[in-house]
């Protein structure tokens, strides 16, 4: 037997996730529910406990009613529903399926595939990810440009006293022990370990030397931009 009731929205649950529906669509129907004072199409519910119900049909309408209740508790607290008994559930489901198969014109309606419903959401997600990636790429390139400019400025400040006064020349000519001493004087942490890494990387080069400071950073493990800038700055003064 089917009974018509007004039930508390809070006493109803749905086994269909709210994320299956567009929030904008739920928002529109929620406003219409509040404006008209109720929902025109009652939910079809089955009883699961004392004053507890589960949606059998009308999941979209249910979540719209939930949204209406969120917006205005006093006017969206109750919702109209048809309560079906457990023994009539199978027959009710068949009737619902039959009704969904016929449109307002009386012609059969082809159900819209779930994948079609998801396509706009996936497209929006891809666009947001692409935008975030482009922003990150732009910031990265700007930071690289800033560091390169800083390198060039420091190189221009290096006094041209001779070949071995240039920090790059020192990185290409000093042995491990000499590098370690100069790195310690420049207050570089892990000087000994870094000196060995510089020497090892240099020996792997075809010409046994680094081409430029960017090549040093790229070739020496754990040598970052900040450290190489400190080395250039400190060694240029000595």
C-alpha atoms as a PDB file:
ATOM      1  CA  UNK A   1       0.000   0.000   0.000  1.00  0.00           C
ATOM      2  CA  UNK A   2       1.285   3.472  -0.927  1.00  0.00           C
ATOM      3  CA  UNK A   3       0.809   6.327   1.540  1.00  0.00           C
ATOM      4  CA  UNK A   4       1.328  10.051   1.114  1.00  0.00           C
ATOM      5  CA  UNK A   5       3.133  11.885   3.932  1.00  0.00           C
ATOM      6  CA  UNK A   6       5.041  15.035   4.806  1.00  0.00           C
ATOM      7  CA  UNK A   7       8.391  13.887   6.198  1.00  0.00           C
ATOM      8  CA  UNK A   8      11.352  15.616   7.778  1.00  0.00           C
ATOM      9  CA  UNK A   9      14.125  16.043   5.195  1.00  0.00           C
ATOM     10  CA  UNK A  10      16.668  15.160   7.882  1.00  0.00           C
ATOM     11  CA  UNK A  11      15.074  11.703   8.316  1.00  0.00           C
ATOM     12  CA  UNK A  12      15.714  10.775   4.670  1.00  0.00           C
ATOM     13  CA  UNK A  13      18.895   9.320   3.167  1.00  0.00           C
ATOM     14  CA  UNK A  14      19.969   8.422  -0.362  1.00  0.00           C
ATOM     15  CA  UNK A  15      22.362   5.751  -1.603  1.00  0.00           C
ATOM     16  CA  UNK A  16      23.218   7.951  -4.595  1.00  0.00           C
ATOM     17  CA  UNK A  17      26.097  10.431  -3.960  1.00  0.00           C
ATOM     18  CA  UNK A  18      25.266  14.130  -4.086  1.00  0.00           C
ATOM     19  CA  UNK A  19      28.308  14.620  -6.311  1.00  0.00           C
ATOM     20  CA  UNK A  20      26.413  12.866  -9.123  1.00  0.00           C
ATOM     21  CA  UNK A  21      24.451  16.092  -9.624  1.00  0.00           C
ATOM     22  CA  UNK A  22      25.529  19.585 -10.605  1.00  0.00           C
ATOM     23  CA  UNK A  23      25.375  21.944  -7.622  1.00  0.00           C
ATOM     24  CA  UNK A  24      24.093  24.702  -9.901  1.00  0.00           C
ATOM     25  CA  UNK A  25      21.109  22.535 -10.902  1.00  0.00           C
ATOM     26  CA  UNK A  26      20.385  21.653  -7.266  1.00  0.00           C
ATOM     27  CA  UNK A  27      20.562  25.349  -6.388  1.00  0.00           C
ATOM     28  CA  UNK A  28      17.978  26.273  -9.028  1.00  0.00           C
ATOM     29  CA  UNK A  29      15.442  23.669  -7.909  1.00  0.00           C
ATOM     30  CA  UNK A  30      16.079  24.499  -4.231  1.00  0.00           C
ATOM     31  CA  UNK A  31      15.134  28.134  -4.885  1.00  0.00           C
ATOM     32  CA  UNK A  32      11.991  27.019  -6.734  1.00  0.00           C
ATOM     33  CA  UNK A  33      11.017  24.717  -3.857  1.00  0.00           C
ATOM     34  CA  UNK A  34      11.308  27.588  -1.384  1.00  0.00           C
ATOM     35  CA  UNK A  35       9.505  30.005  -3.701  1.00  0.00           C
ATOM     36  CA  UNK A  36       6.558  27.670  -4.347  1.00  0.00           C
ATOM     37  CA  UNK A  37       6.374  26.396  -0.760  1.00  0.00           C
ATOM     38  CA  UNK A  38       7.113  22.771  -1.581  1.00  0.00           C
ATOM     39  CA  UNK A  39       8.150  20.268  -4.201  1.00  0.00           C
ATOM     40  CA  UNK A  40       5.628  19.381  -6.920  1.00  0.00           C
ATOM     41  CA  UNK A  41       6.965  15.880  -7.512  1.00  0.00           C
ATOM     42  CA  UNK A  42       6.886  13.871  -4.265  1.00  0.00           C
ATOM     43  CA  UNK A  43       9.805  11.634  -3.405  1.00  0.00           C
ATOM     44  CA  UNK A  44       9.247   7.901  -3.402  1.00  0.00           C
ATOM     45  CA  UNK A  45      10.611   6.510  -0.126  1.00  0.00           C
ATOM     46  CA  UNK A  46      10.820   3.227   1.707  1.00  0.00           C
ATOM     47  CA  UNK A  47      10.939   2.931   5.454  1.00  0.00           C
ATOM     48  CA  UNK A  48      14.238   1.745   6.953  1.00  0.00           C
ATOM     49  CA  UNK A  49      13.517   2.313  10.645  1.00  0.00           C
ATOM     50  CA  UNK A  50      11.488   4.360  13.085  1.00  0.00           C
ATOM     51  CA  UNK A  51      10.852   7.596  11.190  1.00  0.00           C
ATOM     52  CA  UNK A  52      13.822   6.834   8.953  1.00  0.00           C
ATOM     53  CA  UNK A  53      13.502   6.569   5.175  1.00  0.00           C
ATOM     54  CA  UNK A  54      15.581   5.905   2.076  1.00  0.00           C
ATOM     55  CA  UNK A  55      14.993   7.364  -1.393  1.00  0.00           C
ATOM     56  CA  UNK A  56      13.721   4.878  -3.944  1.00  0.00           C
ATOM     57  CA  UNK A  57      13.084   7.459  -6.658  1.00  0.00           C
ATOM     58  CA  UNK A  58      13.750  11.192  -6.788  1.00  0.00           C
ATOM     59  CA  UNK A  59      17.394  11.426  -5.707  1.00  0.00           C
ATOM     60  CA  UNK A  60      17.879  14.741  -7.515  1.00  0.00           C
ATOM     61  CA  UNK A  61      14.723  16.160  -5.939  1.00  0.00           C
ATOM     62  CA  UNK A  62      15.896  14.910  -2.534  1.00  0.00           C
ATOM     63  CA  UNK A  63      19.245  16.698  -2.722  1.00  0.00           C
ATOM     64  CA  UNK A  64      17.485  19.833  -3.975  1.00  0.00           C
ATOM     65  CA  UNK A  65      15.243  19.639  -0.887  1.00  0.00           C
ATOM     66  CA  UNK A  66      18.364  19.200   1.275  1.00  0.00           C
ATOM     67  CA  UNK A  67      19.817  22.336  -0.309  1.00  0.00           C
ATOM     68  CA  UNK A  68      16.534  24.204   0.267  1.00  0.00           C
ATOM     69  CA  UNK A  69      16.663  23.190   3.942  1.00  0.00           C
ATOM     70  CA  UNK A  70      20.267  24.421   4.152  1.00  0.00           C
ATOM     71  CA  UNK A  71      19.204  27.795   2.758  1.00  0.00           C
ATOM     72  CA  UNK A  72      16.034  28.191   4.808  1.00  0.00           C
ATOM     73  CA  UNK A  73      15.496  25.716   7.632  1.00  0.00           C
ATOM     74  CA  UNK A  74      12.015  26.874   8.604  1.00  0.00           C
ATOM     75  CA  UNK A  75      10.579  26.686   5.074  1.00  0.00           C
ATOM     76  CA  UNK A  76      12.549  23.713   3.772  1.00  0.00           C
ATOM     77  CA  UNK A  77      12.305  21.421   6.796  1.00  0.00           C
ATOM     78  CA  UNK A  78       9.539  19.136   5.461  1.00  0.00           C
ATOM     79  CA  UNK A  79       9.033  17.499   2.076  1.00  0.00           C
ATOM     80  CA  UNK A  80       6.155  15.596   0.487  1.00  0.00           C
ATOM     81  CA  UNK A  81       6.747  11.922  -0.154  1.00  0.00           C
ATOM     82  CA  UNK A  82       5.060   8.667  -1.089  1.00  0.00           C
ATOM     83  CA  UNK A  83       5.963   5.906   1.358  1.00  0.00           C
ATOM     84  CA  UNK A  84       5.888   2.421  -0.131  1.00  0.00           C
ATOM     85  CA  UNK A  85       5.738  -0.708   1.983  1.00  0.00           C
ATOM     86  CA  UNK A  86       8.384  -3.412   1.677  1.00  0.00           C
ATOM     87  CA  UNK A  87       5.953  -5.886   0.093  1.00  0.00           C
ATOM     88  CA  UNK A  88       5.046  -3.357  -2.636  1.00  0.00           C
ATOM     89  CA  UNK A  89       8.608  -2.209  -3.332  1.00  0.00           C
ATOM     90  CA  UNK A  90       9.185  -4.425  -6.413  1.00  0.00           C
ATOM     91  CA  UNK A  91       5.892  -3.403  -8.022  1.00  0.00           C
ATOM     92  CA  UNK A  92       6.584   0.283  -7.262  1.00  0.00           C
ATOM     93  CA  UNK A  93      10.035   0.047  -8.833  1.00  0.00           C
ATOM     94  CA  UNK A  94       8.555  -1.480 -11.986  1.00  0.00           C
ATOM     95  CA  UNK A  95       6.019   1.336 -12.183  1.00  0.00           C
ATOM     96  CA  UNK A  96       8.762   3.936 -11.735  1.00  0.00           C
ATOM     97  CA  UNK A  97      10.847   2.321 -14.486  1.00  0.00           C
ATOM     98  CA  UNK A  98       7.823   2.247 -16.777  1.00  0.00           C
ATOM     99  CA  UNK A  99       7.029   5.916 -16.167  1.00  0.00           C
ATOM    100  CA  UNK A 100      10.632   6.932 -16.782  1.00  0.00           C
ATOM    101  CA  UNK A 101      10.515   5.193 -20.145  1.00  0.00           C
ATOM    102  CA  UNK A 102       7.720   7.484 -21.415  1.00  0.00           C
ATOM    103  CA  UNK A 103       8.181  11.211 -22.014  1.00  0.00           C
ATOM    104  CA  UNK A 104       5.511  13.896 -21.742  1.00  0.00           C
ATOM    105  CA  UNK A 105       4.686  13.361 -25.428  1.00  0.00           C
ATOM    106  CA  UNK A 106       3.947   9.702 -24.840  1.00  0.00           C
ATOM    107  CA  UNK A 107       6.989   8.577 -26.839  1.00  0.00           C
ATOM    108  CA  UNK A 108       9.699   6.329 -25.351  1.00  0.00           C
ATOM    109  CA  UNK A 109      12.652   8.274 -24.005  1.00  0.00           C
ATOM    110  CA  UNK A 110      16.190   7.018 -24.488  1.00  0.00           C
ATOM    111  CA  UNK A 111      18.000   7.258 -21.125  1.00  0.00           C
ATOM    112  CA  UNK A 112      21.003   9.576 -21.161  1.00  0.00           C
ATOM    113  CA  UNK A 113      24.229   7.609 -20.509  1.00  0.00           C
ATOM    114  CA  UNK A 114      26.031   8.457 -17.268  1.00  0.00           C
ATOM    115  CA  UNK A 115      29.198   9.117 -19.250  1.00  0.00           C
ATOM    116  CA  UNK A 116      27.416  11.942 -21.088  1.00  0.00           C
ATOM    117  CA  UNK A 117      26.461  13.542 -17.763  1.00  0.00           C
ATOM    118  CA  UNK A 118      30.059  13.347 -16.562  1.00  0.00           C
ATOM    119  CA  UNK A 119      31.617  14.884 -19.675  1.00  0.00           C
ATOM    120  CA  UNK A 120      30.979  18.561 -18.749  1.00  0.00           C
ATOM    121  CA  UNK A 121      32.377  18.019 -15.252  1.00  0.00           C
ATOM    122  CA  UNK A 122      35.484  16.283 -16.606  1.00  0.00           C
ATOM    123  CA  UNK A 123      35.971  19.079 -19.133  1.00  0.00           C
ATOM    124  CA  UNK A 124      35.776  21.703 -16.366  1.00  0.00           C
ATOM    125  CA  UNK A 125      38.273  19.734 -14.282  1.00  0.00           C
ATOM    126  CA  UNK A 126      40.707  19.487 -17.196  1.00  0.00           C
ATOM    127  CA  UNK A 127      40.432  23.223 -17.827  1.00  0.00           C
ATOM    128  CA  UNK A 128      41.135  24.023 -14.153  1.00  0.00           C
ATOM    129  CA  UNK A 129      44.147  21.673 -14.097  1.00  0.00           C
ATOM    130  CA  UNK A 130      45.493  23.146 -17.323  1.00  0.00           C
ATOM    131  CA  UNK A 131      45.122  26.661 -15.927  1.00  0.00           C
ATOM    132  CA  UNK A 132      46.939  25.732 -12.700  1.00  0.00           C
ATOM    133  CA  UNK A 133      49.726  24.027 -14.677  1.00  0.00           C
ATOM    134  CA  UNK A 134      50.207  27.081 -16.906  1.00  0.00           C
ATOM    135  CA  UNK A 135      50.332  29.356 -13.866  1.00  0.00           C
ATOM    136  CA  UNK A 136      52.937  27.128 -12.210  1.00  0.00           C
ATOM    137  CA  UNK A 137      54.964  26.982 -15.438  1.00  0.00           C
ATOM    138  CA  UNK A 138      54.876  30.766 -15.734  1.00  0.00           C
ATOM    139  CA  UNK A 139      56.021  31.228 -12.132  1.00  0.00           C
ATOM    140  CA  UNK A 140      58.820  28.691 -12.634  1.00  0.00           C
ATOM    141  CA  UNK A 141      60.075  30.437 -15.781  1.00  0.00           C
ATOM    142  CA  UNK A 142      59.964  33.815 -14.048  1.00  0.00           C
ATOM    143  CA  UNK A 143      62.000  32.447 -11.125  1.00  0.00           C
ATOM    144  CA  UNK A 144      64.542  30.939 -13.530  1.00  0.00           C
ATOM    145  CA  UNK A 145      64.817  34.256 -15.343  1.00  0.00           C
ATOM    146  CA  UNK A 146      65.360  36.056 -12.040  1.00  0.00           C
ATOM    147  CA  UNK A 147      68.148  33.654 -11.065  1.00  0.00           C
ATOM    148  CA  UNK A 148      69.818  33.921 -14.480  1.00  0.00           C
ATOM    149  CA  UNK A 149      69.718  37.695 -14.232  1.00  0.00           C
ATOM    150  CA  UNK A 150      71.267  37.499 -10.773  1.00  0.00           C
ATOM    151  CA  UNK A 151      74.036  35.265 -12.141  1.00  0.00           C
ATOM    152  CA  UNK A 152      74.820  37.757 -14.875  1.00  0.00           C
ATOM    153  CA  UNK A 153      74.858  40.656 -12.424  1.00  0.00           C
ATOM    154  CA  UNK A 154      77.291  38.820 -10.162  1.00  0.00           C
ATOM    155  CA  UNK A 155      79.507  37.880 -13.096  1.00  0.00           C
ATOM    156  CA  UNK A 156      79.710  41.533 -14.105  1.00  0.00           C
ATOM    157  CA  UNK A 157      80.794  42.444 -10.583  1.00  0.00           C
ATOM    158  CA  UNK A 158      83.643  39.910 -10.561  1.00  0.00           C
ATOM    159  CA  UNK A 159      86.962  41.802 -10.762  1.00  0.00           C
ATOM    160  CA  UNK A 160      89.068  40.752 -13.751  1.00  0.00           C
ATOM    161  CA  UNK A 161      92.377  40.339 -11.905  1.00  0.00           C
ATOM    162  CA  UNK A 162      93.326  37.196 -13.708  1.00  0.00           C
ATOM    163  CA  UNK A 163      92.075  33.819 -14.666  1.00  0.00           C
ATOM    164  CA  UNK A 164      92.149  32.325 -11.157  1.00  0.00           C
ATOM    165  CA  UNK A 165      90.262  35.236  -9.560  1.00  0.00           C
ATOM    166  CA  UNK A 166      87.108  34.130 -11.382  1.00  0.00           C
ATOM    167  CA  UNK A 167      84.962  31.758  -9.216  1.00  0.00           C
ATOM    168  CA  UNK A 168      84.211  29.597 -12.268  1.00  0.00           C
ATOM    169  CA  UNK A 169      87.928  29.253 -12.967  1.00  0.00           C
ATOM    170  CA  UNK A 170      88.484  28.265  -9.340  1.00  0.00           C
ATOM    171  CA  UNK A 171      85.750  25.644  -9.563  1.00  0.00           C
ATOM    172  CA  UNK A 172      87.484  24.274 -12.674  1.00  0.00           C
ATOM    173  CA  UNK A 173      91.054  24.341 -11.353  1.00  0.00           C
ATOM    174  CA  UNK A 174      91.190  23.727  -7.589  1.00  0.00           C
ATOM    175  CA  UNK A 175      91.532  20.196  -6.271  1.00  0.00           C
ATOM    176  CA  UNK A 176      89.285  18.707  -3.619  1.00  0.00           C
ATOM    177  CA  UNK A 177      91.311  19.934  -0.609  1.00  0.00           C
ATOM    178  CA  UNK A 178      91.687  23.467  -1.983  1.00  0.00           C
ATOM    179  CA  UNK A 179      87.979  23.627  -2.813  1.00  0.00           C
ATOM    180  CA  UNK A 180      87.126  22.422   0.697  1.00  0.00           C
ATOM    181  CA  UNK A 181      89.225  25.171   2.309  1.00  0.00           C
ATOM    182  CA  UNK A 182      87.696  27.930   0.182  1.00  0.00           C
ATOM    183  CA  UNK A 183      84.177  26.604   0.762  1.00  0.00           C
ATOM    184  CA  UNK A 184      84.782  26.538   4.533  1.00  0.00           C
ATOM    185  CA  UNK A 185      86.028  30.141   4.423  1.00  0.00           C
ATOM    186  CA  UNK A 186      82.859  31.066   2.544  1.00  0.00           C
ATOM    187  CA  UNK A 187      80.890  29.409   5.390  1.00  0.00           C
ATOM    188  CA  UNK A 188      79.330  26.803   3.099  1.00  0.00           C
ATOM    189  CA  UNK A 189      77.872  23.908   5.093  1.00  0.00           C
ATOM    190  CA  UNK A 190      79.185  20.418   4.258  1.00  0.00           C
ATOM    191  CA  UNK A 191      82.245  21.937   2.582  1.00  0.00           C
ATOM    192  CA  UNK A 192      84.293  18.730   2.371  1.00  0.00           C
ATOM    193  CA  UNK A 193      81.465  16.678   0.927  1.00  0.00           C
ATOM    194  CA  UNK A 194      80.560  19.418  -1.543  1.00  0.00           C
ATOM    195  CA  UNK A 195      84.215  19.817  -2.616  1.00  0.00           C
ATOM    196  CA  UNK A 196      84.407  16.117  -3.470  1.00  0.00           C
ATOM    197  CA  UNK A 197      81.118  16.309  -5.382  1.00  0.00           C
ATOM    198  CA  UNK A 198      82.411  19.285  -7.401  1.00  0.00           C
ATOM    199  CA  UNK A 199      85.670  17.510  -8.252  1.00  0.00           C
ATOM    200  CA  UNK A 200      83.880  14.281  -9.219  1.00  0.00           C
ATOM    201  CA  UNK A 201      81.390  16.121 -11.425  1.00  0.00           C
ATOM    202  CA  UNK A 202      84.170  18.109 -13.073  1.00  0.00           C
ATOM    203  CA  UNK A 203      86.135  14.954 -13.956  1.00  0.00           C
ATOM    204  CA  UNK A 204      83.067  13.552 -15.718  1.00  0.00           C
ATOM    205  CA  UNK A 205      82.998  16.496 -18.115  1.00  0.00           C
ATOM    206  CA  UNK A 206      84.387  15.931 -21.643  1.00  0.00           C
ATOM    207  CA  UNK A 207      86.868  18.793 -21.192  1.00  0.00           C
ATOM    208  CA  UNK A 208      87.288  18.217 -17.441  1.00  0.00           C
ATOM    209  CA  UNK A 209      85.705  21.611 -16.702  1.00  0.00           C
ATOM    210  CA  UNK A 210      82.323  23.296 -16.274  1.00  0.00           C
ATOM    211  CA  UNK A 211      81.025  25.481 -19.093  1.00  0.00           C
ATOM    212  CA  UNK A 212      79.288  28.019 -16.833  1.00  0.00           C
ATOM    213  CA  UNK A 213      77.632  28.373 -13.424  1.00  0.00           C
ATOM    214  CA  UNK A 214      74.401  26.815 -14.649  1.00  0.00           C
ATOM    215  CA  UNK A 215      76.426  23.788 -15.718  1.00  0.00           C
ATOM    216  CA  UNK A 216      77.894  23.605 -12.209  1.00  0.00           C
ATOM    217  CA  UNK A 217      74.460  23.580 -10.578  1.00  0.00           C
ATOM    218  CA  UNK A 218      73.168  21.011 -13.047  1.00  0.00           C
ATOM    219  CA  UNK A 219      76.175  18.692 -12.682  1.00  0.00           C
ATOM    220  CA  UNK A 220      76.910  18.791  -8.942  1.00  0.00           C
ATOM    221  CA  UNK A 221      74.500  16.818  -6.776  1.00  0.00           C
ATOM    222  CA  UNK A 222      72.782  18.758  -3.970  1.00  0.00           C
ATOM    223  CA  UNK A 223      74.225  22.087  -5.148  1.00  0.00           C
ATOM    224  CA  UNK A 224      71.335  24.536  -5.352  1.00  0.00           C
ATOM    225  CA  UNK A 225      71.035  28.001  -6.834  1.00  0.00           C
ATOM    226  CA  UNK A 226      71.283  29.660  -3.425  1.00  0.00           C
ATOM    227  CA  UNK A 227      74.572  27.921  -2.589  1.00  0.00           C
ATOM    228  CA  UNK A 228      76.235  28.708  -5.928  1.00  0.00           C
ATOM    229  CA  UNK A 229      75.195  32.359  -5.587  1.00  0.00           C
ATOM    230  CA  UNK A 230      76.811  32.461  -2.140  1.00  0.00           C
ATOM    231  CA  UNK A 231      80.023  30.891  -3.546  1.00  0.00           C
ATOM    232  CA  UNK A 232      80.167  33.407  -6.385  1.00  0.00           C
ATOM    233  CA  UNK A 233      79.548  36.318  -4.034  1.00  0.00           C
ATOM    234  CA  UNK A 234      82.111  35.225  -1.417  1.00  0.00           C
ATOM    235  CA  UNK A 235      84.855  34.130  -3.816  1.00  0.00           C
ATOM    236  CA  UNK A 236      84.516  37.315  -5.874  1.00  0.00           C
ATOM    237  CA  UNK A 237      85.501  39.347  -2.818  1.00  0.00           C
ATOM    238  CA  UNK A 238      88.616  37.344  -2.015  1.00  0.00           C
END
